[in-house]
Structure formats: structure tokens, C-alpha cells
Amino acid sequence: MVSGINAKQLQLNVIRPALKRLDLHSEVAELLVLGTAAQESAMGTYIKQLGRGPAVGIFQMEPATHDDIWDNYLRYKGSLSMKVRELIPPCSVTQRDGITAASATLMTSDMMYAAAMCRIHYLRVPSRLPETAAPEALAQYWKKYYNTPSGRGTEHEFVKNYARYITLNKKA
């Protein structure tokens, strides 16, 4: 039995709307973010990294990465940062060195915000998104730019989890 969040529901009701609100939507981007959830959290089974790891949310982003996105990227991207701020519930707003942002912990409870931050993480990469949405191409990109070459995850695991949570559940 496949656990976690229904992939189609996540894709249609969380990831796609988040990426469209940021004006960062494409089929490849959508499936890369969806595949990231499949690999990183077993499609939402885990919202906090197992063991002592700091990663949070269904995309398992570390708070340091989240904060770096705000401090060294969104701070200088006025229009994009405004769109991200619109996703932050008023009760979750915080100040980071004079800019309105959110705490990384918001990614544990707000999937749309977490999806936006995942997409922006990929946006900062100097290399273009893969030309195809084939799971193998997405896996290579994820490994290099999200998990990193020294990370424990593998491209093989990504492809396997993509098949398990996404391909096998397209009809759902």
C-alpha cells in the first residue's frame, strides 16, 4: 500500500496553484517539485526529517536553506518576494533583517508555502530545468541541485519513488 498524500491531489491543489501564483509554472517545474516530495518525504509521509536532521516539510528543506533563500535571493527579487509573502498567513509573518518573511517551520504546516520555497530553491540554480519531464532527467537535476552530489539520496531512489507515488497513482 502506498502511503502519504495523494500525488494527483498535491499536484493539482497545491503545487500547480503555488507555481502559477509565482509565475514559475511549467510542466517540468511542476513534476520536478512533485518528484521532490515523492523522494524527500515519501509523498508527505514525513514532515520532519527522521533522526536528528533539521529538514522540515514535505520537501524536506533545511531551515538554513530556507533562510538563505530569503536572505540572499528573495531580498533582491522584489516582485517574486512579494508573491511569496502573499502566501504567508498573517499569523506566520516574521521580520528577517528588516524584510517581511516567514519562519522555516511554516513549511511543516503550509504545503503551498513549502512548494513555493522548493520551486524557488530550484530557480536559484544557474542551470536551466531539464528539457523533459522524464523521471530520469528530473532525478539527475534533483540529485545535483537539491540533494547535492554528497547527499545520501540517489537518482535510482528518485526514479523508484516517482514510479511508486506518482506514475502508479495517476488515475487517483
Protein backbone atom coordinates (compact mmCIF):
# COMPACT_ATOMS: atom_id res chain seq x y z
CA MET A 1 0.00 0.00 0.00
CA VAL A 2 1.23 3.48 -0.89
CA SER A 3 1.07 5.93 1.99
CA GLY A 4 1.47 9.68 2.05
CA ILE A 5 -0.52 12.34 0.25
CA ASN A 6 -2.38 11.56 -2.95
CA ALA A 7 0.04 12.74 -5.65
CA LYS A 8 -2.66 13.99 -8.03
CA GLN A 9 -4.31 16.00 -5.24
CA LEU A 10 -0.96 17.51 -4.26
CA GLN A 11 -0.14 18.32 -7.86
CA LEU A 12 -3.47 19.91 -8.75
CA ASN A 13 -4.39 21.60 -5.47
CA VAL A 14 -1.06 22.66 -4.02
CA ILE A 15 1.92 22.61 -6.38
CA ARG A 16 0.29 23.88 -9.57
CA PRO A 17 -1.50 26.79 -7.86
CA ALA A 18 1.64 27.75 -5.92
CA LEU A 19 3.82 27.76 -9.04
CA LYS A 20 1.20 29.68 -11.03
CA ARG A 21 0.91 32.32 -8.29
CA LEU A 22 4.67 32.80 -8.51
CA ASP A 23 4.57 32.88 -12.34
CA LEU A 24 7.05 29.99 -12.25
CA HIS A 25 4.86 27.21 -13.61
CA SER A 26 5.79 24.75 -16.33
CA GLU A 27 5.08 21.05 -16.67
CA VAL A 28 8.72 20.23 -15.92
CA ALA A 29 8.82 22.51 -12.86
CA GLU A 30 5.55 21.07 -11.55
CA LEU A 31 6.71 17.47 -11.93
CA LEU A 32 10.16 18.25 -10.50
CA VAL A 33 8.58 19.70 -7.35
CA LEU A 34 6.14 16.77 -7.17
CA GLY A 35 9.00 14.30 -7.63
CA THR A 36 10.93 16.10 -4.90
CA ALA A 37 8.06 15.45 -2.47
CA ALA A 38 7.95 11.80 -3.54
CA GLN A 39 11.66 11.37 -2.90
CA GLU A 40 12.23 13.59 0.11
CA SER A 41 9.23 12.72 2.29
CA ALA A 42 7.63 9.62 0.75
CA MET A 43 4.98 11.95 -0.72
CA GLY A 44 4.24 13.70 2.56
CA THR A 45 4.56 10.76 4.91
CA TYR A 46 7.22 12.70 6.84
CA ILE A 47 7.06 16.41 7.67
CA LYS A 48 10.14 16.40 9.89
CA GLN A 49 13.38 14.71 8.99
CA LEU A 50 13.90 11.41 10.78
CA GLY A 51 16.66 11.22 13.35
CA ARG A 52 18.41 14.45 14.28
CA GLY A 53 18.23 16.07 10.86
CA PRO A 54 16.80 19.57 10.64
CA ALA A 55 14.83 19.30 7.37
CA VAL A 56 11.11 20.14 7.51
CA GLY A 57 8.01 19.96 5.34
CA ILE A 58 7.06 17.57 2.57
CA PHE A 59 10.04 18.78 0.52
CA GLN A 60 12.41 18.28 3.49
CA MET A 61 14.12 21.65 3.19
CA GLU A 62 16.59 22.57 5.88
CA PRO A 63 15.87 25.79 7.79
CA ALA A 64 19.32 27.12 6.82
CA THR A 65 18.43 26.70 3.13
CA HIS A 66 15.04 28.35 3.67
CA ASP A 67 16.65 31.31 5.44
CA ASP A 68 19.36 31.61 2.79
CA ILE A 69 16.68 31.85 0.10
CA TRP A 70 15.17 34.80 1.97
CA ASP A 71 18.45 36.45 2.93
CA ASN A 72 20.40 36.07 -0.30
CA TYR A 73 17.82 35.72 -3.04
CA LEU A 74 14.28 36.89 -2.31
CA ARG A 75 15.60 40.01 -0.59
CA TYR A 76 16.78 41.15 -4.04
CA LYS A 77 13.78 39.91 -6.05
CA GLY A 78 11.07 42.43 -5.19
CA SER A 79 8.26 41.12 -7.36
CA LEU A 80 8.90 37.47 -6.56
CA SER A 81 9.34 38.09 -2.84
CA MET A 82 6.03 39.98 -2.80
CA LYS A 83 4.30 36.97 -4.39
CA VAL A 84 5.82 34.64 -1.79
CA ARG A 85 4.80 37.00 1.04
CA GLU A 86 1.21 36.79 -0.21
CA LEU A 87 1.32 33.07 0.57
CA ILE A 88 2.31 33.65 4.20
CA PRO A 89 -0.63 33.72 6.64
CA PRO A 90 -0.62 36.91 8.75
CA CYS A 91 -0.06 34.91 11.94
CA SER A 92 3.16 33.46 10.48
CA VAL A 93 4.83 36.70 9.37
CA THR A 94 8.21 37.48 10.88
CA GLN A 95 10.94 40.02 10.24
CA ARG A 96 14.33 38.89 8.90
CA ASP A 97 16.85 41.73 8.91
CA GLY A 98 14.24 44.29 8.00
CA ILE A 99 12.29 42.23 5.46
CA THR A 100 8.96 40.52 5.97
CA ALA A 101 9.32 36.77 5.64
CA ALA A 102 8.26 33.54 7.35
CA SER A 103 9.93 31.06 9.63
CA ALA A 104 11.10 27.80 8.11
CA THR A 105 8.70 25.98 10.44
CA LEU A 106 5.82 27.23 8.28
CA MET A 107 6.85 24.60 5.74
CA THR A 108 5.63 21.87 8.14
CA SER A 109 2.07 23.15 8.14
CA ASP A 110 1.63 25.07 4.88
CA MET A 111 2.17 22.92 1.81
CA MET A 112 1.63 25.76 -0.66
CA TYR A 113 4.33 27.85 1.00
CA ALA A 114 6.62 24.79 1.11
CA ALA A 115 6.01 24.14 -2.61
CA ALA A 116 6.84 27.76 -3.40
CA MET A 117 10.09 27.56 -1.45
CA CYS A 118 11.01 24.28 -3.15
CA ARG A 119 10.45 25.83 -6.59
CA ILE A 120 12.49 28.91 -5.65
CA HIS A 121 15.31 26.67 -4.45
CA TYR A 122 15.44 25.23 -7.97
CA LEU A 123 15.05 28.71 -9.50
CA ARG A 124 18.32 29.82 -7.90
CA VAL A 125 20.22 27.10 -9.74
CA PRO A 126 22.34 28.52 -12.57
CA SER A 127 21.39 25.62 -14.85
CA ARG A 128 18.07 25.50 -16.72
CA LEU A 129 15.40 22.99 -15.73
CA PRO A 130 15.57 19.69 -17.63
CA GLU A 131 14.16 19.83 -21.15
CA THR A 132 11.97 16.83 -20.46
CA ALA A 133 9.80 15.71 -17.58
CA ALA A 134 11.12 12.15 -17.82
CA PRO A 135 11.72 10.83 -14.31
CA GLU A 136 15.38 10.07 -15.10
CA ALA A 137 16.02 13.69 -16.15
CA LEU A 138 14.21 15.02 -13.08
CA ALA A 139 16.21 12.63 -10.89
CA GLN A 140 19.53 13.89 -12.26
CA TYR A 141 18.53 17.50 -11.69
CA TRP A 142 17.20 16.81 -8.19
CA LYS A 143 20.36 14.92 -7.22
CA LYS A 144 22.71 17.63 -8.45
CA TYR A 145 20.83 20.68 -7.21
CA TYR A 146 18.53 19.65 -4.34
CA ASN A 147 20.07 16.61 -2.68
CA THR A 148 23.61 17.57 -3.83
CA PRO A 149 26.29 15.15 -5.02
CA SER A 150 27.33 14.44 -1.41
CA GLY A 151 23.75 13.80 -0.23
CA ARG A 152 22.58 10.31 0.70
CA GLY A 153 19.75 10.13 -1.84
CA THR A 154 20.29 8.56 -5.24
CA GLU A 155 18.87 9.07 -8.70
CA HIS A 156 17.75 5.44 -8.65
CA GLU A 157 15.73 6.06 -5.46
CA PHE A 158 14.15 9.16 -7.02
CA VAL A 159 13.03 7.23 -10.11
CA LYS A 160 11.73 4.39 -7.93
CA ASN A 161 9.79 6.78 -5.67
CA TYR A 162 8.50 8.70 -8.70
CA ALA A 163 7.07 5.44 -10.06
CA ARG A 164 5.71 4.42 -6.66
CA TYR A 165 3.97 7.65 -5.71
CA ILE A 166 3.30 9.41 -9.00
CA THR A 167 3.25 7.12 -12.03
CA LEU A 168 1.34 4.30 -10.32
CA ASN A 169 -1.21 6.72 -8.86
CA LYS A 170 -2.03 8.93 -11.88
CA LYS A 171 -5.57 7.60 -12.03
CA ALA A 172 -6.32 8.53 -8.41
